[in-house]
Protein backbone atom coordinates (compact mmCIF):
# COMPACT_ATOMS: atom_id res chain seq x y z
CA UNK A 1 0.00 0.00 0.00
CA UNK A 2 1.33 3.42 -0.88
CA UNK A 3 1.87 6.02 1.79
CA UNK A 4 -0.83 8.26 0.29
CA UNK A 5 -3.32 5.39 0.37
CA UNK A 6 -2.39 4.60 3.98
CA UNK A 7 -2.92 8.24 4.99
CA UNK A 8 -6.28 8.33 3.20
CA UNK A 9 -7.33 5.08 4.91
CA UNK A 10 -6.47 6.39 8.39
CA UNK A 11 -8.17 9.73 7.71
CA UNK A 12 -11.27 7.90 6.55
CA UNK A 13 -11.18 5.62 9.58
CA UNK A 14 -10.90 8.61 11.93
CA UNK A 15 -14.14 9.95 10.44
CA UNK A 16 -15.88 6.66 11.27
CA UNK A 17 -15.67 7.48 14.98
CA UNK A 18 -18.58 9.88 14.47
CA UNK A 19 -20.82 7.10 13.08
CA UNK A 20 -23.19 5.36 15.49
CA UNK A 21 -22.18 1.83 16.42
CA UNK A 22 -25.23 0.12 14.83
CA UNK A 23 -24.58 2.01 11.60
CA UNK A 24 -20.92 0.95 11.72
CA UNK A 25 -22.01 -2.68 11.90
CA UNK A 26 -24.20 -2.06 8.83
CA UNK A 27 -21.22 -0.42 7.06
CA UNK A 28 -19.16 -3.53 7.81
CA UNK A 29 -21.99 -5.74 6.56
CA UNK A 30 -22.10 -3.75 3.33
CA UNK A 31 -18.34 -4.02 2.90
CA UNK A 32 -18.51 -7.76 3.48
CA UNK A 33 -20.91 -8.13 0.55
CA UNK A 34 -17.81 -8.02 -1.66
CA UNK A 35 -16.65 -11.26 -0.03
CA UNK A 36 -20.02 -13.02 -0.01
CA UNK A 37 -21.64 -15.22 -2.58
CA UNK A 38 -23.05 -13.02 -5.34
CA UNK A 39 -26.57 -14.17 -4.48
CA UNK A 40 -26.40 -12.29 -1.16
CA UNK A 41 -25.78 -8.96 -2.90
CA UNK A 42 -28.25 -9.89 -5.64
CA UNK A 43 -30.90 -10.56 -3.02
CA UNK A 44 -30.45 -7.15 -1.45
CA UNK A 45 -30.46 -5.39 -4.83
CA UNK A 46 -33.54 -7.35 -5.91
CA UNK A 47 -35.28 -6.39 -2.67
CA UNK A 48 -34.45 -2.71 -3.23
CA UNK A 49 -35.63 -2.95 -6.84
CA UNK A 50 -38.93 -4.40 -5.65
CA UNK A 51 -39.34 -1.44 -3.32
CA UNK A 52 -38.66 0.95 -6.19
CA UNK A 53 -41.22 -0.87 -8.36
CA UNK A 54 -43.79 -0.80 -5.56
CA UNK A 55 -43.29 2.94 -5.16
CA UNK A 56 -43.86 3.42 -8.88
CA UNK A 57 -46.95 1.22 -8.76
CA UNK A 58 -48.44 3.34 -5.97
CA UNK A 59 -48.88 6.13 -8.53
CA UNK A 60 -51.32 3.90 -10.48
CA UNK A 61 -53.34 2.57 -7.55
CA UNK A 62 -56.53 4.36 -6.57
CA UNK A 63 -56.58 2.95 -3.05
CA UNK A 64 -53.17 3.32 -1.48
CA UNK A 65 -52.49 1.13 1.51
CA UNK A 66 -50.12 2.96 3.88
CA UNK A 67 -48.12 -0.19 4.62
CA UNK A 68 -47.14 -0.34 0.94
CA UNK A 69 -45.46 3.04 1.00
CA UNK A 70 -43.73 2.91 4.36
CA UNK A 71 -40.31 2.95 2.75
CA UNK A 72 -38.57 3.53 6.06
CA UNK A 73 -39.52 0.05 7.20
CA UNK A 74 -38.14 -1.47 4.00
CA UNK A 75 -34.85 0.31 4.44
CA UNK A 76 -34.80 -0.80 8.07
CA UNK A 77 -34.96 -4.41 6.83
CA UNK A 78 -31.88 -3.91 4.66
CA UNK A 79 -30.07 -2.01 7.43
CA UNK A 80 -30.82 -4.79 9.93
CA UNK A 81 -29.60 -7.47 7.51
CA UNK A 82 -26.35 -5.63 6.90
CA UNK A 83 -25.92 -4.94 10.62
CA UNK A 84 -26.50 -8.61 11.43
CA UNK A 85 -23.83 -9.58 8.89
CA UNK A 86 -21.37 -7.15 10.50
CA UNK A 87 -22.12 -8.36 14.03
CA UNK A 88 -21.83 -12.00 12.96
CA UNK A 89 -18.51 -11.41 11.22
CA UNK A 90 -17.01 -9.63 14.21
CA UNK A 91 -18.24 -12.40 16.53
CA UNK A 92 -16.79 -15.07 14.24
CA UNK A 93 -13.42 -13.32 14.10
CA UNK A 94 -13.22 -12.27 17.76
CA UNK A 95 -10.91 -15.13 18.73
CA UNK A 96 -8.33 -14.24 16.08
CA UNK A 97 -8.66 -10.54 16.90
CA UNK A 98 -8.22 -11.23 20.60
CA UNK A 99 -5.05 -13.26 19.95
CA UNK A 100 -3.51 -10.55 17.79
CA UNK A 101 -4.60 -7.46 19.71
CA UNK A 102 -4.68 -8.77 23.27
CA UNK A 103 -1.34 -7.59 24.59
CA UNK A 104 -0.73 -4.65 26.88
CA UNK A 105 1.36 -2.65 24.41
CA UNK A 106 -1.42 -2.68 21.81
CA UNK A 107 -4.08 -1.97 24.42
CA UNK A 108 -2.07 1.09 25.49
CA UNK A 109 -2.10 2.28 21.86
CA UNK A 110 -5.89 2.10 21.94
CA UNK A 111 -5.97 4.13 25.16
CA UNK A 112 -4.10 7.01 23.48
CA UNK A 113 -5.57 7.04 20.03
CA UNK A 114 -3.76 9.03 17.37
CA UNK A 115 -3.71 8.59 13.60
CA UNK A 116 -0.42 6.67 13.81
CA UNK A 117 -1.75 4.39 16.58
CA UNK A 118 -4.93 3.80 14.57
CA UNK A 119 -2.81 2.90 11.55
CA UNK A 120 -0.94 0.28 13.60
CA UNK A 121 -4.21 -1.16 14.90
CA UNK A 122 -5.70 -1.30 11.39
CA UNK A 123 -2.64 -3.20 10.13
CA UNK A 124 -2.83 -5.62 13.07
CA UNK A 125 -6.53 -6.17 12.40
CA UNK A 126 -5.60 -7.00 8.81
CA UNK A 127 -3.07 -9.55 10.05
CA UNK A 128 -5.65 -11.08 12.40
CA UNK A 129 -8.31 -11.28 9.70
CA UNK A 130 -5.77 -12.60 7.17
CA UNK A 131 -7.09 -10.41 4.38
CA UNK A 132 -5.21 -8.90 1.47
CA UNK A 133 -4.54 -5.17 1.36
CA UNK A 134 -7.37 -4.66 -1.13
CA UNK A 135 -9.70 -5.17 1.85
CA UNK A 136 -7.99 -2.65 4.14
CA UNK A 137 -11.23 -0.66 4.30
CA UNK A 138 -12.84 -3.64 6.06
CA UNK A 139 -9.91 -3.71 8.49
CA UNK A 140 -10.37 0.01 9.17
CA UNK A 141 -14.08 -0.45 9.92
CA UNK A 142 -13.36 -3.44 12.18
CA UNK A 143 -10.65 -1.46 13.99
CA UNK A 144 -13.01 1.45 14.63
CA UNK A 145 -15.75 -0.92 15.84
CA UNK A 146 -13.31 -2.58 18.23
CA UNK A 147 -12.08 0.76 19.53
CA UNK A 148 -15.58 2.20 19.93
CA UNK A 149 -16.70 -0.97 21.76
CA UNK A 150 -13.53 -0.87 23.85
CA UNK A 151 -10.60 -2.97 22.71
CA UNK A 152 -9.96 -3.94 26.34
CA UNK A 153 -13.51 -5.39 26.48
CA UNK A 154 -12.71 -7.71 23.57
CA UNK A 155 -9.45 -8.80 25.14
CA UNK A 156 -10.74 -9.22 28.70
C-alpha atoms as a PDB file:
ATOM      1  CA  UNK A   1       0.000   0.000   0.000  1.00  0.00           C
ATOM      2  CA  UNK A   2       1.330   3.424  -0.881  1.00  0.00           C
ATOM      3  CA  UNK A   3       1.872   6.017   1.794  1.00  0.00           C
ATOM      4  CA  UNK A   4      -0.828   8.258   0.287  1.00  0.00           C
ATOM      5  CA  UNK A   5      -3.315   5.394   0.369  1.00  0.00           C
ATOM      6  CA  UNK A   6      -2.392   4.603   3.985  1.00  0.00           C
ATOM      7  CA  UNK A   7      -2.924   8.236   4.990  1.00  0.00           C
ATOM      8  CA  UNK A   8      -6.284   8.327   3.200  1.00  0.00           C
ATOM      9  CA  UNK A   9      -7.333   5.083   4.906  1.00  0.00           C
ATOM     10  CA  UNK A  10      -6.474   6.387   8.385  1.00  0.00           C
ATOM     11  CA  UNK A  11      -8.169   9.732   7.705  1.00  0.00           C
ATOM     12  CA  UNK A  12     -11.270   7.895   6.546  1.00  0.00           C
ATOM     13  CA  UNK A  13     -11.179   5.616   9.582  1.00  0.00           C
ATOM     14  CA  UNK A  14     -10.899   8.608  11.928  1.00  0.00           C
ATOM     15  CA  UNK A  15     -14.142   9.948  10.440  1.00  0.00           C
ATOM     16  CA  UNK A  16     -15.882   6.660  11.270  1.00  0.00           C
ATOM     17  CA  UNK A  17     -15.670   7.476  14.980  1.00  0.00           C
ATOM     18  CA  UNK A  18     -18.582   9.880  14.470  1.00  0.00           C
ATOM     19  CA  UNK A  19     -20.817   7.104  13.080  1.00  0.00           C
ATOM     20  CA  UNK A  20     -23.188   5.365  15.495  1.00  0.00           C
ATOM     21  CA  UNK A  21     -22.176   1.832  16.419  1.00  0.00           C
ATOM     22  CA  UNK A  22     -25.226   0.124  14.834  1.00  0.00           C
ATOM     23  CA  UNK A  23     -24.583   2.009  11.604  1.00  0.00           C
ATOM     24  CA  UNK A  24     -20.925   0.952  11.718  1.00  0.00           C
ATOM     25  CA  UNK A  25     -22.007  -2.685  11.902  1.00  0.00           C
ATOM     26  CA  UNK A  26     -24.197  -2.060   8.835  1.00  0.00           C
ATOM     27  CA  UNK A  27     -21.223  -0.423   7.061  1.00  0.00           C
ATOM     28  CA  UNK A  28     -19.158  -3.527   7.814  1.00  0.00           C
ATOM     29  CA  UNK A  29     -21.986  -5.737   6.555  1.00  0.00           C
ATOM     30  CA  UNK A  30     -22.102  -3.750   3.332  1.00  0.00           C
ATOM     31  CA  UNK A  31     -18.339  -4.021   2.899  1.00  0.00           C
ATOM     32  CA  UNK A  32     -18.513  -7.758   3.479  1.00  0.00           C
ATOM     33  CA  UNK A  33     -20.913  -8.134   0.551  1.00  0.00           C
ATOM     34  CA  UNK A  34     -17.807  -8.016  -1.661  1.00  0.00           C
ATOM     35  CA  UNK A  35     -16.654 -11.257  -0.026  1.00  0.00           C
ATOM     36  CA  UNK A  36     -20.024 -13.018  -0.011  1.00  0.00           C
ATOM     37  CA  UNK A  37     -21.644 -15.222  -2.579  1.00  0.00           C
ATOM     38  CA  UNK A  38     -23.048 -13.018  -5.342  1.00  0.00           C
ATOM     39  CA  UNK A  39     -26.567 -14.173  -4.477  1.00  0.00           C
ATOM     40  CA  UNK A  40     -26.401 -12.287  -1.163  1.00  0.00           C
ATOM     41  CA  UNK A  41     -25.780  -8.956  -2.902  1.00  0.00           C
ATOM     42  CA  UNK A  42     -28.249  -9.892  -5.643  1.00  0.00           C
ATOM     43  CA  UNK A  43     -30.899 -10.565  -3.018  1.00  0.00           C
ATOM     44  CA  UNK A  44     -30.455  -7.148  -1.452  1.00  0.00           C
ATOM     45  CA  UNK A  45     -30.459  -5.391  -4.834  1.00  0.00           C
ATOM     46  CA  UNK A  46     -33.543  -7.348  -5.910  1.00  0.00           C
ATOM     47  CA  UNK A  47     -35.281  -6.395  -2.666  1.00  0.00           C
ATOM     48  CA  UNK A  48     -34.452  -2.707  -3.225  1.00  0.00           C
ATOM     49  CA  UNK A  49     -35.634  -2.955  -6.842  1.00  0.00           C
ATOM     50  CA  UNK A  50     -38.934  -4.404  -5.654  1.00  0.00           C
ATOM     51  CA  UNK A  51     -39.339  -1.436  -3.315  1.00  0.00           C
ATOM     52  CA  UNK A  52     -38.661   0.951  -6.186  1.00  0.00           C
ATOM     53  CA  UNK A  53     -41.216  -0.865  -8.365  1.00  0.00           C
ATOM     54  CA  UNK A  54     -43.787  -0.802  -5.556  1.00  0.00           C
ATOM     55  CA  UNK A  55     -43.287   2.938  -5.160  1.00  0.00           C
ATOM     56  CA  UNK A  56     -43.859   3.421  -8.879  1.00  0.00           C
ATOM     57  CA  UNK A  57     -46.951   1.221  -8.761  1.00  0.00           C
ATOM     58  CA  UNK A  58     -48.443   3.336  -5.973  1.00  0.00           C
ATOM     59  CA  UNK A  59     -48.884   6.126  -8.533  1.00  0.00           C
ATOM     60  CA  UNK A  60     -51.316   3.902 -10.475  1.00  0.00           C
ATOM     61  CA  UNK A  61     -53.339   2.571  -7.546  1.00  0.00           C
ATOM     62  CA  UNK A  62     -56.534   4.358  -6.573  1.00  0.00           C
ATOM     63  CA  UNK A  63     -56.582   2.946  -3.054  1.00  0.00           C
ATOM     64  CA  UNK A  64     -53.170   3.315  -1.478  1.00  0.00           C
ATOM     65  CA  UNK A  65     -52.494   1.134   1.514  1.00  0.00           C
ATOM     66  CA  UNK A  66     -50.116   2.962   3.878  1.00  0.00           C
ATOM     67  CA  UNK A  67     -48.119  -0.191   4.617  1.00  0.00           C
ATOM     68  CA  UNK A  68     -47.138  -0.339   0.938  1.00  0.00           C
ATOM     69  CA  UNK A  69     -45.465   3.036   0.999  1.00  0.00           C
ATOM     70  CA  UNK A  70     -43.735   2.910   4.358  1.00  0.00           C
ATOM     71  CA  UNK A  71     -40.311   2.951   2.751  1.00  0.00           C
ATOM     72  CA  UNK A  72     -38.570   3.527   6.058  1.00  0.00           C
ATOM     73  CA  UNK A  73     -39.516   0.045   7.196  1.00  0.00           C
ATOM     74  CA  UNK A  74     -38.142  -1.471   4.003  1.00  0.00           C
ATOM     75  CA  UNK A  75     -34.855   0.307   4.438  1.00  0.00           C
ATOM     76  CA  UNK A  76     -34.803  -0.804   8.070  1.00  0.00           C
ATOM     77  CA  UNK A  77     -34.965  -4.406   6.831  1.00  0.00           C
ATOM     78  CA  UNK A  78     -31.877  -3.909   4.656  1.00  0.00           C
ATOM     79  CA  UNK A  79     -30.072  -2.014   7.435  1.00  0.00           C
ATOM     80  CA  UNK A  80     -30.816  -4.793   9.932  1.00  0.00           C
ATOM     81  CA  UNK A  81     -29.604  -7.471   7.511  1.00  0.00           C
ATOM     82  CA  UNK A  82     -26.350  -5.635   6.904  1.00  0.00           C
ATOM     83  CA  UNK A  83     -25.922  -4.936  10.621  1.00  0.00           C
ATOM     84  CA  UNK A  84     -26.503  -8.606  11.428  1.00  0.00           C
ATOM     85  CA  UNK A  85     -23.828  -9.579   8.890  1.00  0.00           C
ATOM     86  CA  UNK A  86     -21.374  -7.150  10.498  1.00  0.00           C
ATOM     87  CA  UNK A  87     -22.115  -8.357  14.031  1.00  0.00           C
ATOM     88  CA  UNK A  88     -21.828 -12.004  12.964  1.00  0.00           C
ATOM     89  CA  UNK A  89     -18.509 -11.413  11.222  1.00  0.00           C
ATOM     90  CA  UNK A  90     -17.014  -9.631  14.211  1.00  0.00           C
ATOM     91  CA  UNK A  91     -18.239 -12.396  16.531  1.00  0.00           C
ATOM     92  CA  UNK A  92     -16.794 -15.073  14.239  1.00  0.00           C
ATOM     93  CA  UNK A  93     -13.416 -13.320  14.103  1.00  0.00           C
ATOM     94  CA  UNK A  94     -13.217 -12.266  17.759  1.00  0.00           C
ATOM     95  CA  UNK A  95     -10.906 -15.133  18.731  1.00  0.00           C
ATOM     96  CA  UNK A  96      -8.327 -14.236  16.085  1.00  0.00           C
ATOM     97  CA  UNK A  97      -8.660 -10.544  16.898  1.00  0.00           C
ATOM     98  CA  UNK A  98      -8.221 -11.228  20.603  1.00  0.00           C
ATOM     99  CA  UNK A  99      -5.046 -13.265  19.946  1.00  0.00           C
ATOM    100  CA  UNK A 100      -3.513 -10.550  17.794  1.00  0.00           C
ATOM    101  CA  UNK A 101      -4.596  -7.462  19.712  1.00  0.00           C
ATOM    102  CA  UNK A 102      -4.679  -8.768  23.265  1.00  0.00           C
ATOM    103  CA  UNK A 103      -1.343  -7.594  24.587  1.00  0.00           C
ATOM    104  CA  UNK A 104      -0.734  -4.650  26.878  1.00  0.00           C
ATOM    105  CA  UNK A 105       1.359  -2.654  24.407  1.00  0.00           C
ATOM    106  CA  UNK A 106      -1.422  -2.677  21.807  1.00  0.00           C
ATOM    107  CA  UNK A 107      -4.077  -1.975  24.416  1.00  0.00           C
ATOM    108  CA  UNK A 108      -2.067   1.090  25.490  1.00  0.00           C
ATOM    109  CA  UNK A 109      -2.101   2.282  21.859  1.00  0.00           C
ATOM    110  CA  UNK A 110      -5.892   2.097  21.942  1.00  0.00           C
ATOM    111  CA  UNK A 111      -5.972   4.135  25.157  1.00  0.00           C
ATOM    112  CA  UNK A 112      -4.099   7.012  23.480  1.00  0.00           C
ATOM    113  CA  UNK A 113      -5.570   7.039  20.030  1.00  0.00           C
ATOM    114  CA  UNK A 114      -3.764   9.030  17.371  1.00  0.00           C
ATOM    115  CA  UNK A 115      -3.711   8.595  13.601  1.00  0.00           C
ATOM    116  CA  UNK A 116      -0.417   6.672  13.814  1.00  0.00           C
ATOM    117  CA  UNK A 117      -1.754   4.391  16.581  1.00  0.00           C
ATOM    118  CA  UNK A 118      -4.930   3.801  14.575  1.00  0.00           C
ATOM    119  CA  UNK A 119      -2.813   2.900  11.554  1.00  0.00           C
ATOM    120  CA  UNK A 120      -0.938   0.280  13.599  1.00  0.00           C
ATOM    121  CA  UNK A 121      -4.209  -1.157  14.903  1.00  0.00           C
ATOM    122  CA  UNK A 122      -5.695  -1.301  11.386  1.00  0.00           C
ATOM    123  CA  UNK A 123      -2.640  -3.204  10.128  1.00  0.00           C
ATOM    124  CA  UNK A 124      -2.835  -5.616  13.071  1.00  0.00           C
ATOM    125  CA  UNK A 125      -6.531  -6.174  12.403  1.00  0.00           C
ATOM    126  CA  UNK A 126      -5.596  -7.002   8.806  1.00  0.00           C
ATOM    127  CA  UNK A 127      -3.075  -9.551  10.049  1.00  0.00           C
ATOM    128  CA  UNK A 128      -5.650 -11.079  12.400  1.00  0.00           C
ATOM    129  CA  UNK A 129      -8.311 -11.279   9.697  1.00  0.00           C
ATOM    130  CA  UNK A 130      -5.768 -12.597   7.170  1.00  0.00           C
ATOM    131  CA  UNK A 131      -7.094 -10.408   4.376  1.00  0.00           C
ATOM    132  CA  UNK A 132      -5.207  -8.895   1.467  1.00  0.00           C
ATOM    133  CA  UNK A 133      -4.536  -5.172   1.359  1.00  0.00           C
ATOM    134  CA  UNK A 134      -7.365  -4.665  -1.126  1.00  0.00           C
ATOM    135  CA  UNK A 135      -9.699  -5.173   1.854  1.00  0.00           C
ATOM    136  CA  UNK A 136      -7.987  -2.647   4.143  1.00  0.00           C
ATOM    137  CA  UNK A 137     -11.228  -0.662   4.300  1.00  0.00           C
ATOM    138  CA  UNK A 138     -12.841  -3.639   6.059  1.00  0.00           C
ATOM    139  CA  UNK A 139      -9.911  -3.712   8.488  1.00  0.00           C
ATOM    140  CA  UNK A 140     -10.375   0.008   9.165  1.00  0.00           C
ATOM    141  CA  UNK A 141     -14.079  -0.452   9.921  1.00  0.00           C
ATOM    142  CA  UNK A 142     -13.364  -3.436  12.185  1.00  0.00           C
ATOM    143  CA  UNK A 143     -10.646  -1.463  13.994  1.00  0.00           C
ATOM    144  CA  UNK A 144     -13.013   1.450  14.635  1.00  0.00           C
ATOM    145  CA  UNK A 145     -15.751  -0.920  15.837  1.00  0.00           C
ATOM    146  CA  UNK A 146     -13.312  -2.579  18.233  1.00  0.00           C
ATOM    147  CA  UNK A 147     -12.082   0.764  19.525  1.00  0.00           C
ATOM    148  CA  UNK A 148     -15.584   2.195  19.933  1.00  0.00           C
ATOM    149  CA  UNK A 149     -16.704  -0.970  21.757  1.00  0.00           C
ATOM    150  CA  UNK A 150     -13.530  -0.872  23.854  1.00  0.00           C
ATOM    151  CA  UNK A 151     -10.604  -2.974  22.712  1.00  0.00           C
ATOM    152  CA  UNK A 152      -9.956  -3.940  26.337  1.00  0.00           C
ATOM    153  CA  UNK A 153     -13.508  -5.392  26.480  1.00  0.00           C
ATOM    154  CA  UNK A 154     -12.710  -7.708  23.575  1.00  0.00           C
ATOM    155  CA  UNK A 155      -9.446  -8.804  25.140  1.00  0.00           C
ATOM    156  CA  UNK A 156     -10.735  -9.223  28.698  1.00  0.00           C
END
